[in-house]
């Protein structure tokens, strides 16, 4: 079965924010890169693209047949998805184990695991 792992960065320090990234030691920074590389090379894993920052988002709604586009994310920055993985796994437990290896899960964020559904 396929599972989608949605990565919520939360307060996770990111390389795109040098001040926040500098709060991690050099060893911790290397561990983040190593962990993501390891996950990307795990059999059955399809790495997703990292997503832009929430403040770069545009939220689209259609009301009464008219498209409305507003600047900014649908949720606040802490609740925004920062990236994702898709994994082919034998069980939810295997998907959870992979999710536990995502650095954001230990550095101030979270990873949501959902089964992928086929609708058509």
N, C-alpha and C. Protein backbone atom coordinates (compact mmCIF):
# COMPACT_ATOMS: atom_id res chain seq x y z
N UNK A 1 0.84 -1.17 0.00
CA UNK A 1 0.00 0.00 0.00
C UNK A 1 0.89 1.24 0.00
N UNK A 2 0.41 2.29 -0.64
CA UNK A 2 1.15 3.55 -0.63
C UNK A 2 0.66 4.45 0.49
N UNK A 3 1.62 5.13 1.10
CA UNK A 3 1.33 6.11 2.14
C UNK A 3 1.99 7.43 1.76
N UNK A 4 1.34 8.51 2.12
CA UNK A 4 1.91 9.84 1.92
C UNK A 4 2.32 10.36 3.29
N UNK A 5 3.57 10.82 3.38
CA UNK A 5 4.08 11.40 4.62
C UNK A 5 4.15 12.90 4.41
N UNK A 6 3.29 13.63 5.09
CA UNK A 6 3.25 15.09 4.98
C UNK A 6 4.13 15.67 6.09
N UNK A 7 5.11 16.47 5.69
CA UNK A 7 6.07 17.02 6.65
C UNK A 7 5.65 18.42 7.05
N UNK A 8 5.35 18.60 8.32
CA UNK A 8 5.01 19.90 8.88
C UNK A 8 6.27 20.42 9.57
N UNK A 9 6.86 21.48 9.07
CA UNK A 9 8.13 21.97 9.61
C UNK A 9 7.98 22.54 11.02
N UNK A 10 6.84 23.16 11.33
CA UNK A 10 6.68 23.75 12.66
C UNK A 10 7.81 24.72 12.95
N UNK A 11 8.53 24.51 14.03
CA UNK A 11 9.65 25.39 14.41
C UNK A 11 11.01 24.80 14.00
N UNK A 12 10.99 23.79 13.15
CA UNK A 12 12.23 23.15 12.71
C UNK A 12 13.16 24.16 12.06
N UNK A 13 14.41 24.27 12.50
CA UNK A 13 15.36 25.16 11.83
C UNK A 13 15.63 24.67 10.40
N UNK A 14 15.60 25.59 9.45
CA UNK A 14 15.81 25.25 8.04
C UNK A 14 17.03 25.97 7.49
N UNK A 15 17.72 25.35 6.54
CA UNK A 15 18.89 26.00 5.91
C UNK A 15 18.52 27.32 5.22
N UNK A 16 17.27 27.46 4.81
CA UNK A 16 16.85 28.70 4.14
C UNK A 16 16.74 29.88 5.11
N UNK A 17 16.85 29.60 6.40
CA UNK A 17 16.85 30.64 7.44
C UNK A 17 18.17 30.53 8.20
N UNK A 18 19.21 31.23 7.74
CA UNK A 18 20.55 31.07 8.35
C UNK A 18 20.58 31.25 9.87
N UNK A 19 19.81 32.19 10.40
CA UNK A 19 19.80 32.39 11.86
C UNK A 19 19.29 31.15 12.58
N UNK A 20 18.16 30.62 12.10
CA UNK A 20 17.58 29.43 12.74
C UNK A 20 18.49 28.21 12.54
N UNK A 21 19.02 28.05 11.33
CA UNK A 21 19.88 26.92 11.01
C UNK A 21 21.12 26.93 11.91
N UNK A 22 21.62 28.11 12.24
CA UNK A 22 22.81 28.24 13.08
C UNK A 22 22.56 27.80 14.53
N UNK A 23 21.29 27.62 14.92
CA UNK A 23 21.01 27.13 16.27
C UNK A 23 21.34 25.65 16.40
N UNK A 24 21.50 24.98 15.26
CA UNK A 24 21.90 23.57 15.29
C UNK A 24 23.43 23.50 15.23
N UNK A 25 23.98 22.55 15.93
CA UNK A 25 25.43 22.35 15.85
C UNK A 25 25.78 21.84 14.45
N UNK A 26 27.05 21.88 14.11
CA UNK A 26 27.48 21.38 12.81
C UNK A 26 27.14 19.89 12.67
N UNK A 27 27.29 19.13 13.76
CA UNK A 27 26.94 17.70 13.73
C UNK A 27 25.45 17.51 13.50
N UNK A 28 24.61 18.35 14.14
CA UNK A 28 23.17 18.24 13.93
C UNK A 28 22.79 18.60 12.50
N UNK A 29 23.43 19.63 11.93
CA UNK A 29 23.16 20.00 10.55
C UNK A 29 23.52 18.86 9.60
N UNK A 30 24.68 18.25 9.82
CA UNK A 30 25.09 17.11 8.99
C UNK A 30 24.11 15.95 9.14
N UNK A 31 23.62 15.73 10.36
CA UNK A 31 22.67 14.64 10.60
C UNK A 31 21.38 14.87 9.83
N UNK A 32 20.92 16.11 9.74
CA UNK A 32 19.71 16.42 8.97
C UNK A 32 19.91 16.03 7.51
N UNK A 33 21.03 16.49 6.92
CA UNK A 33 21.32 16.15 5.51
C UNK A 33 21.45 14.64 5.32
N UNK A 34 22.13 13.98 6.24
CA UNK A 34 22.32 12.53 6.16
C UNK A 34 20.99 11.80 6.26
N UNK A 35 20.14 12.24 7.18
CA UNK A 35 18.84 11.59 7.36
C UNK A 35 17.98 11.72 6.11
N UNK A 36 17.91 12.94 5.54
CA UNK A 36 17.10 13.11 4.33
C UNK A 36 17.67 12.30 3.16
N UNK A 37 18.98 12.25 3.04
CA UNK A 37 19.61 11.47 1.99
C UNK A 37 19.27 9.98 2.16
N UNK A 38 19.35 9.50 3.37
CA UNK A 38 19.04 8.11 3.66
C UNK A 38 17.59 7.78 3.32
N UNK A 39 16.68 8.65 3.72
CA UNK A 39 15.26 8.44 3.42
C UNK A 39 15.04 8.44 1.91
N UNK A 40 15.64 9.41 1.21
CA UNK A 40 15.49 9.50 -0.25
C UNK A 40 15.97 8.24 -0.96
N UNK A 41 16.93 7.54 -0.36
CA UNK A 41 17.50 6.34 -0.97
C UNK A 41 16.91 5.04 -0.42
N UNK A 42 15.87 5.15 0.38
CA UNK A 42 15.20 3.96 0.93
C UNK A 42 14.34 3.32 -0.16
N UNK A 43 14.48 2.02 -0.37
CA UNK A 43 13.64 1.36 -1.37
C UNK A 43 12.15 1.58 -1.07
N UNK A 44 11.40 1.89 -2.12
CA UNK A 44 9.96 2.12 -1.99
C UNK A 44 9.59 3.56 -1.70
N UNK A 45 10.58 4.43 -1.51
CA UNK A 45 10.31 5.84 -1.20
C UNK A 45 10.42 6.68 -2.47
N UNK A 46 9.40 7.50 -2.70
CA UNK A 46 9.42 8.49 -3.77
C UNK A 46 9.53 9.86 -3.10
N UNK A 47 10.70 10.50 -3.17
CA UNK A 47 10.83 11.81 -2.53
C UNK A 47 9.97 12.84 -3.26
N UNK A 48 9.32 13.69 -2.49
CA UNK A 48 8.57 14.80 -3.06
C UNK A 48 9.46 16.03 -3.11
N UNK A 49 9.00 17.03 -3.79
CA UNK A 49 9.75 18.28 -3.84
C UNK A 49 9.54 19.06 -2.56
N UNK A 50 10.57 19.78 -2.08
CA UNK A 50 10.34 20.66 -0.95
C UNK A 50 9.40 21.78 -1.41
N UNK A 51 8.52 22.18 -0.54
CA UNK A 51 7.57 23.23 -0.89
C UNK A 51 8.10 24.59 -0.47
N UNK A 52 7.70 25.63 -1.19
CA UNK A 52 8.08 26.99 -0.84
C UNK A 52 7.53 27.38 0.53
N UNK A 53 7.99 28.48 1.03
CA UNK A 53 7.55 28.95 2.34
C UNK A 53 6.09 29.38 2.30
N UNK A 54 5.38 29.25 3.42
CA UNK A 54 3.97 29.60 3.45
C UNK A 54 3.68 31.02 2.98
N UNK A 55 4.58 31.95 3.29
CA UNK A 55 4.32 33.33 2.86
C UNK A 55 4.40 33.51 1.35
N UNK A 56 4.88 32.50 0.64
CA UNK A 56 4.92 32.54 -0.82
C UNK A 56 3.68 31.90 -1.44
N UNK A 57 2.80 31.39 -0.60
CA UNK A 57 1.63 30.67 -1.08
C UNK A 57 0.53 31.61 -1.59
N UNK A 58 -0.30 31.06 -2.43
CA UNK A 58 -1.54 31.69 -2.86
C UNK A 58 -2.64 30.68 -2.61
N UNK A 59 -3.69 31.08 -1.93
CA UNK A 59 -4.81 30.20 -1.64
C UNK A 59 -5.95 30.53 -2.59
N UNK A 60 -6.51 29.51 -3.23
CA UNK A 60 -7.55 29.68 -4.23
C UNK A 60 -8.86 29.08 -3.73
N UNK A 61 -9.92 29.86 -3.87
CA UNK A 61 -11.28 29.40 -3.57
C UNK A 61 -12.17 29.80 -4.74
N UNK A 62 -13.20 29.02 -4.97
CA UNK A 62 -14.19 29.39 -5.98
C UNK A 62 -15.51 29.57 -5.26
N UNK A 63 -16.06 30.78 -5.36
CA UNK A 63 -17.34 31.10 -4.73
C UNK A 63 -18.28 31.64 -5.79
N UNK A 64 -19.45 31.04 -5.85
CA UNK A 64 -20.45 31.46 -6.84
C UNK A 64 -19.87 31.50 -8.24
N UNK A 65 -19.00 30.53 -8.56
CA UNK A 65 -18.43 30.43 -9.89
C UNK A 65 -17.29 31.40 -10.17
N UNK A 66 -16.90 32.19 -9.19
CA UNK A 66 -15.81 33.15 -9.38
C UNK A 66 -14.58 32.70 -8.58
N UNK A 67 -13.42 32.77 -9.25
CA UNK A 67 -12.17 32.38 -8.62
C UNK A 67 -11.66 33.53 -7.76
N UNK A 68 -11.32 33.19 -6.52
CA UNK A 68 -10.72 34.16 -5.60
C UNK A 68 -9.35 33.64 -5.19
N UNK A 69 -8.32 34.41 -5.45
CA UNK A 69 -6.97 34.04 -5.06
C UNK A 69 -6.48 35.05 -4.03
N UNK A 70 -6.05 34.57 -2.88
CA UNK A 70 -5.55 35.45 -1.84
C UNK A 70 -4.11 35.09 -1.52
N UNK A 71 -3.34 36.08 -1.17
CA UNK A 71 -1.94 35.84 -0.81
C UNK A 71 -1.88 35.12 0.53
N UNK A 72 -0.95 34.20 0.61
CA UNK A 72 -0.71 33.53 1.88
C UNK A 72 -1.33 32.15 1.94
N UNK A 73 -0.92 31.39 2.96
CA UNK A 73 -1.37 30.01 3.09
C UNK A 73 -2.79 29.92 3.66
N UNK A 74 -3.39 28.77 3.49
CA UNK A 74 -4.70 28.49 4.05
C UNK A 74 -4.62 28.37 5.56
N UNK A 75 -3.51 27.84 6.05
CA UNK A 75 -3.29 27.69 7.49
C UNK A 75 -2.13 28.58 7.91
N UNK A 76 -1.94 28.76 9.21
CA UNK A 76 -0.81 29.57 9.66
C UNK A 76 0.51 28.86 9.35
N UNK A 77 1.59 29.59 9.46
CA UNK A 77 2.91 29.07 9.10
C UNK A 77 3.25 27.77 9.82
N UNK A 78 2.92 27.67 11.09
CA UNK A 78 3.26 26.48 11.86
C UNK A 78 2.48 25.26 11.39
N UNK A 79 1.31 25.47 10.79
CA UNK A 79 0.50 24.35 10.33
C UNK A 79 0.71 24.00 8.87
N UNK A 80 1.61 24.70 8.19
CA UNK A 80 1.80 24.50 6.76
C UNK A 80 2.67 23.28 6.46
N UNK A 81 2.34 22.60 5.39
CA UNK A 81 3.13 21.46 4.93
C UNK A 81 4.39 21.99 4.25
N UNK A 82 5.54 21.44 4.61
CA UNK A 82 6.80 21.89 4.04
C UNK A 82 7.34 20.95 2.98
N UNK A 83 6.83 19.75 2.91
CA UNK A 83 7.28 18.77 1.93
C UNK A 83 6.57 17.45 2.17
N UNK A 84 6.95 16.45 1.38
CA UNK A 84 6.28 15.16 1.52
C UNK A 84 7.14 14.05 0.92
N UNK A 85 6.81 12.84 1.31
CA UNK A 85 7.35 11.62 0.72
C UNK A 85 6.17 10.72 0.40
N UNK A 86 6.33 9.85 -0.57
CA UNK A 86 5.38 8.77 -0.82
C UNK A 86 6.17 7.48 -0.63
N UNK A 87 5.60 6.56 0.13
CA UNK A 87 6.29 5.29 0.38
C UNK A 87 5.35 4.13 0.07
N UNK A 88 5.90 3.14 -0.57
CA UNK A 88 5.22 1.85 -0.76
C UNK A 88 5.66 1.00 0.42
N UNK A 89 4.71 0.64 1.29
CA UNK A 89 5.07 -0.09 2.51
C UNK A 89 4.07 -1.21 2.76
N UNK A 90 4.52 -2.22 3.48
CA UNK A 90 3.67 -3.36 3.79
C UNK A 90 2.62 -3.04 4.86
N UNK A 91 2.90 -2.00 5.67
CA UNK A 91 1.99 -1.69 6.77
C UNK A 91 2.13 -0.24 7.20
N UNK A 92 1.15 0.22 7.94
CA UNK A 92 1.21 1.57 8.52
C UNK A 92 2.41 1.66 9.46
N UNK A 93 2.73 0.56 10.14
CA UNK A 93 3.87 0.57 11.06
C UNK A 93 5.18 0.88 10.33
N UNK A 94 5.34 0.34 9.13
CA UNK A 94 6.55 0.61 8.34
C UNK A 94 6.58 2.08 7.91
N UNK A 95 5.43 2.63 7.57
CA UNK A 95 5.36 4.04 7.18
C UNK A 95 5.65 4.94 8.38
N UNK A 96 5.15 4.57 9.55
CA UNK A 96 5.41 5.35 10.78
C UNK A 96 6.90 5.29 11.11
N UNK A 97 7.51 4.12 10.94
CA UNK A 97 8.95 4.01 11.22
C UNK A 97 9.74 4.96 10.33
N UNK A 98 9.39 5.01 9.04
CA UNK A 98 10.07 5.94 8.14
C UNK A 98 9.81 7.38 8.56
N UNK A 99 8.57 7.70 8.91
CA UNK A 99 8.23 9.06 9.35
C UNK A 99 9.05 9.48 10.56
N UNK A 100 9.36 8.54 11.44
CA UNK A 100 10.13 8.86 12.64
C UNK A 100 11.56 9.25 12.31
N UNK A 101 12.02 8.92 11.09
CA UNK A 101 13.39 9.27 10.66
C UNK A 101 13.46 10.66 10.02
N UNK A 102 12.32 11.27 9.76
CA UNK A 102 12.31 12.61 9.15
C UNK A 102 12.75 13.61 10.22
N UNK A 103 13.81 14.39 9.95
CA UNK A 103 14.33 15.32 10.96
C UNK A 103 13.28 16.25 11.57
N UNK A 104 12.33 16.71 10.78
CA UNK A 104 11.31 17.63 11.33
C UNK A 104 10.55 16.99 12.49
N UNK A 105 10.41 15.67 12.50
CA UNK A 105 9.67 15.00 13.57
C UNK A 105 10.34 15.16 14.93
N UNK A 106 11.66 15.39 14.93
CA UNK A 106 12.37 15.53 16.21
C UNK A 106 12.84 16.96 16.47
N UNK A 107 12.68 17.84 15.48
CA UNK A 107 13.24 19.20 15.62
C UNK A 107 12.18 20.29 15.69
N UNK A 108 10.98 19.97 16.12
CA UNK A 108 9.96 21.00 16.30
C UNK A 108 8.79 20.92 15.35
N UNK A 109 8.77 19.91 14.50
CA UNK A 109 7.66 19.74 13.56
C UNK A 109 6.97 18.41 13.80
N UNK A 110 6.36 17.90 12.74
CA UNK A 110 5.65 16.62 12.83
C UNK A 110 5.53 16.04 11.43
N UNK A 111 5.23 14.77 11.35
CA UNK A 111 4.99 14.11 10.08
C UNK A 111 3.65 13.38 10.18
N UNK A 112 2.76 13.71 9.27
CA UNK A 112 1.46 13.06 9.21
C UNK A 112 1.52 11.94 8.17
N UNK A 113 1.08 10.75 8.54
CA UNK A 113 1.08 9.60 7.64
C UNK A 113 -0.37 9.31 7.24
N UNK A 114 -0.61 9.30 5.91
CA UNK A 114 -1.94 8.98 5.41
C UNK A 114 -1.85 7.92 4.33
N UNK A 115 -2.80 6.99 4.32
CA UNK A 115 -2.84 6.04 3.21
C UNK A 115 -3.22 6.80 1.93
N UNK A 116 -2.57 6.45 0.84
CA UNK A 116 -2.93 7.04 -0.45
C UNK A 116 -4.14 6.29 -0.99
N UNK A 117 -5.10 7.01 -1.50
CA UNK A 117 -6.32 6.42 -2.02
C UNK A 117 -6.37 6.56 -3.53
N UNK A 118 -7.02 5.63 -4.19
CA UNK A 118 -7.23 5.71 -5.63
C UNK A 118 -8.71 5.98 -5.86
N UNK A 119 -9.01 7.11 -6.48
CA UNK A 119 -10.41 7.49 -6.66
C UNK A 119 -10.92 7.19 -8.05
N UNK A 120 -10.07 7.08 -9.04
CA UNK A 120 -10.51 6.79 -10.40
C UNK A 120 -9.50 6.00 -11.15
